[in-house]
C-alpha atoms as a PDB file:
ATOM      1  CA  MET A   1      84.526 126.640  48.845  1.00  0.00           C
ATOM      2  CA  LEU A   2      81.720 125.710  51.194  1.00  0.00           C
ATOM      3  CA  PRO A   3      82.772 126.048  54.870  1.00  0.00           C
ATOM      4  CA  LYS A   4      83.371 122.805  56.755  1.00  0.00           C
ATOM      5  CA  LYS A   5      80.501 123.450  59.182  1.00  0.00           C
ATOM      6  CA  HIS A   6      78.078 123.311  56.222  1.00  0.00           C
ATOM      7  CA  LYS A   7      79.341 119.920  54.980  1.00  0.00           C
ATOM      8  CA  ALA A   8      77.925 116.660  56.320  1.00  0.00           C
ATOM      9  CA  THR A   9      80.582 114.152  57.384  1.00  0.00           C
ATOM     10  CA  SER A  10      80.596 110.517  56.301  1.00  0.00           C
ATOM     11  CA  ALA A  11      79.719 109.471  59.874  1.00  0.00           C
ATOM     12  CA  GLN A  12      76.661 111.738  59.801  1.00  0.00           C
ATOM     13  CA  VAL A  13      75.569 110.309  56.446  1.00  0.00           C
ATOM     14  CA  GLU A  14      75.965 106.726  57.710  1.00  0.00           C
ATOM     15  CA  ALA A  15      73.821 107.562  60.744  1.00  0.00           C
ATOM     16  CA  LEU A  16      71.178 109.146  58.499  1.00  0.00           C
ATOM     17  CA  LYS A  17      70.897 106.021  56.333  1.00  0.00           C
ATOM     18  CA  LYS A  18      69.170 104.292  59.252  1.00  0.00           C
ATOM     19  CA  ILE A  19      66.452 106.975  59.462  1.00  0.00           C
ATOM     20  CA  PRO A  20      63.404 106.039  57.365  1.00  0.00           C
ATOM     21  CA  GLN A  21      61.955 109.579  57.288  1.00  0.00           C
ATOM     22  CA  LYS A  22      63.539 111.066  54.222  1.00  0.00           C
ATOM     23  CA  LYS A  23      62.370 112.531  50.957  1.00  0.00           C
ATOM     24  CA  THR A  24      63.929 111.410  47.696  1.00  0.00           C
ATOM     25  CA  HIS A  25      64.062 113.493  44.523  1.00  0.00           C
ATOM     26  CA  HIS A  26      65.593 112.503  41.176  1.00  0.00           C
ATOM     27  CA  SER A  27      67.054 114.300  38.183  1.00  0.00           C
ATOM     28  CA  PRO A  28      69.063 112.994  35.215  1.00  0.00           C
ATOM     29  CA  SER A  29      72.371 113.614  37.029  1.00  0.00           C
ATOM     30  CA  PHE A  30      71.553 113.393  40.742  1.00  0.00           C
ATOM     31  CA  THR A  31      69.506 111.690  43.415  1.00  0.00           C
ATOM     32  CA  LEU A  32      68.777 113.989  46.346  1.00  0.00           C
ATOM     33  CA  LEU A  33      67.940 112.688  49.803  1.00  0.00           C
ATOM     34  CA  VAL A  34      66.485 115.291  52.176  1.00  0.00           C
ATOM     35  CA  TYR A  35      66.561 114.670  55.933  1.00  0.00           C
ATOM     36  CA  LYS A  36      64.965 117.036  58.437  1.00  0.00           C
ATOM     37  CA  LYS A  37      67.050 117.825  61.505  1.00  0.00           C
ATOM     38  CA  ARG A  38      65.471 117.741  64.948  1.00  0.00           C
ATOM     39  CA  ASP A  39      66.343 121.379  65.531  1.00  0.00           C
ATOM     40  CA  GLN A  40      64.913 123.409  62.635  1.00  0.00           C
ATOM     41  CA  LYS A  41      67.107 126.389  63.600  1.00  0.00           C
ATOM     42  CA  GLU A  42      70.291 124.393  63.063  1.00  0.00           C
ATOM     43  CA  VAL A  43      72.371 125.226  59.977  1.00  0.00           C
ATOM     44  CA  SER A  44      71.694 122.988  56.983  1.00  0.00           C
ATOM     45  CA  THR A  45      74.460 120.637  55.854  1.00  0.00           C
ATOM     46  CA  ILE A  46      75.190 119.338  52.364  1.00  0.00           C
ATOM     47  CA  THR A  47      77.259 116.490  51.002  1.00  0.00           C
ATOM     48  CA  PHE A  48      77.987 115.017  47.577  1.00  0.00           C
ATOM     49  CA  ILE A  49      78.652 111.297  47.155  1.00  0.00           C
ATOM     50  CA  ILE A  50      80.027 109.662  44.025  1.00  0.00           C
ATOM     51  CA  SER A  51      80.667 105.970  43.580  1.00  0.00           C
ATOM     52  CA  LYS A  52      83.770 104.410  42.069  1.00  0.00           C
ATOM     53  CA  LYS A  53      81.457 102.725  39.564  1.00  0.00           C
ATOM     54  CA  ILE A  54      80.499 106.124  38.171  1.00  0.00           C
ATOM     55  CA  ALA A  55      83.977 107.692  38.070  1.00  0.00           C
ATOM     56  CA  THR A  56      86.819 105.211  38.488  1.00  0.00           C
ATOM     57  CA  LYS A  57      89.537 107.847  38.775  1.00  0.00           C
ATOM     58  CA  ALA A  58      89.821 109.781  42.050  1.00  0.00           C
ATOM     59  CA  VAL A  59      90.755 112.936  40.143  1.00  0.00           C
ATOM     60  CA  LEU A  60      87.401 112.928  38.345  1.00  0.00           C
ATOM     61  CA  ARG A  61      85.454 112.091  41.521  1.00  0.00           C
ATOM     62  CA  ASN A  62      87.100 114.986  43.356  1.00  0.00           C
ATOM     63  CA  LYS A  63      86.500 117.343  40.430  1.00  0.00           C
ATOM     64  CA  LEU A  64      82.784 116.513  40.396  1.00  0.00           C
ATOM     65  CA  LYS A  65      82.514 116.949  44.170  1.00  0.00           C
ATOM     66  CA  ARG A  66      84.262 120.331  43.950  1.00  0.00           C
ATOM     67  CA  ARG A  67      81.801 121.398  41.252  1.00  0.00           C
ATOM     68  CA  GLY A  68      78.904 120.289  43.419  1.00  0.00           C
ATOM     69  CA  TYR A  69      80.191 122.172  46.461  1.00  0.00           C
ATOM     70  CA  SER A  70      80.796 125.242  44.302  1.00  0.00           C
ATOM     71  CA  VAL A  71      77.158 125.236  43.179  1.00  0.00           C
ATOM     72  CA  ALA A  72      76.036 124.575  46.755  1.00  0.00           C
ATOM     73  CA  GLN A  73      78.011 127.605  47.920  1.00  0.00           C
ATOM     74  CA  GLU A  74      76.269 129.785  45.337  1.00  0.00           C
ATOM     75  CA  LEU A  75      72.837 128.583  46.482  1.00  0.00           C
ATOM     76  CA  PHE A  76      73.530 128.146  50.198  1.00  0.00           C
ATOM     77  CA  PHE A  77      72.251 131.533  51.354  1.00  0.00           C
ATOM     78  CA  ARG A  78      68.812 130.620  49.898  1.00  0.00           C
ATOM     79  CA  ILE A  79      68.585 127.123  51.461  1.00  0.00           C
ATOM     80  CA  GLN A  80      66.311 126.853  54.498  1.00  0.00           C
ATOM     81  CA  THR A  81      67.791 125.868  57.856  1.00  0.00           C
ATOM     82  CA  GLY A  82      67.262 122.502  59.540  1.00  0.00           C
ATOM     83  CA  PHE A  83      68.043 120.080  56.681  1.00  0.00           C
ATOM     84  CA  THR A  84      70.735 117.612  55.709  1.00  0.00           C
ATOM     85  CA  LEU A  85      70.985 117.280  51.931  1.00  0.00           C
ATOM     86  CA  VAL A  86      72.744 114.274  50.406  1.00  0.00           C
ATOM     87  CA  PHE A  87      73.384 114.353  46.659  1.00  0.00           C
ATOM     88  CA  TYR A  88      74.296 111.103  44.907  1.00  0.00           C
ATOM     89  CA  PHE A  89      75.841 111.460  41.457  1.00  0.00           C
ATOM     90  CA  LYS A  90      74.592 109.404  38.514  1.00  0.00           C
ATOM     91  CA  LYS A  91      76.588 108.357  35.446  1.00  0.00           C
ATOM     92  CA  GLU A  92      75.135 111.191  33.332  1.00  0.00           C
ATOM     93  CA  SER A  93      76.715 113.812  35.607  1.00  0.00           C
ATOM     94  CA  VAL A  94      80.273 113.013  34.515  1.00  0.00           C
ATOM     95  CA  HIS A  95      80.050 115.101  31.331  1.00  0.00           C
ATOM     96  CA  LYS A  96      77.981 118.020  32.639  1.00  0.00           C
ATOM     97  CA  THR A  97      79.205 121.601  32.826  1.00  0.00           C
ATOM     98  CA  HIS A  98      79.075 123.879  35.865  1.00  0.00           C
ATOM     99  CA  LYS A  99      76.006 125.682  34.510  1.00  0.00           C
ATOM    100  CA  GLU A 100      74.145 122.402  33.949  1.00  0.00           C
ATOM    101  CA  PHE A 101      75.038 121.349  37.520  1.00  0.00           C
ATOM    102  CA  PHE A 102      73.713 124.661  38.811  1.00  0.00           C
ATOM    103  CA  LEU A 103      70.391 124.356  36.975  1.00  0.00           C
ATOM    104  CA  GLU A 104      69.810 120.739  37.998  1.00  0.00           C
ATOM    105  CA  ILE A 105      70.697 121.264  41.653  1.00  0.00           C
ATOM    106  CA  GLN A 106      68.546 124.394  41.793  1.00  0.00           C
ATOM    107  CA  LYS A 107      65.618 122.480  40.250  1.00  0.00           C
ATOM    108  CA  LEU A 108      66.032 119.610  42.738  1.00  0.00           C
ATOM    109  CA  LEU A 109      66.147 121.973  45.717  1.00  0.00           C
ATOM    110  CA  LYS A 110      62.991 123.764  44.547  1.00  0.00           C
ATOM    111  CA  GLU A 111      61.283 120.398  44.051  1.00  0.00           C
ATOM    112  CA  ALA A 112      62.223 119.432  47.606  1.00  0.00           C
ATOM    113  CA  HIS A 113      60.878 122.760  48.950  1.00  0.00           C
ATOM    114  CA  VAL A 114      64.242 123.513  50.533  1.00  0.00           C
ATOM    115  CA  LEU A 115      65.075 126.533  48.368  1.00  0.00           C
END
């Protein structure tokens, strides 16, 4: 499990929504928003957001978030410092396996020049 200090809180994400300087990257299962922190030496934070429209049951939403955080933990040591990464799930992500999650998230992070 990814340590709490590496997860962005909902309050942090709400504050970030007001900042226009962000980079957006898309894949079939995710939308990634990349925000630069003021202090580039600060530890990067990651969060996964899934809407009730995509997965109506809380059990499935939590399962998908856990999968996302598991992949993030595997890749975290390679992620550069000074970023907040917000992943939004899309409908196609509901039926993906852990390996497919890993490949897509890795591709998105490389695209964003964060990995």
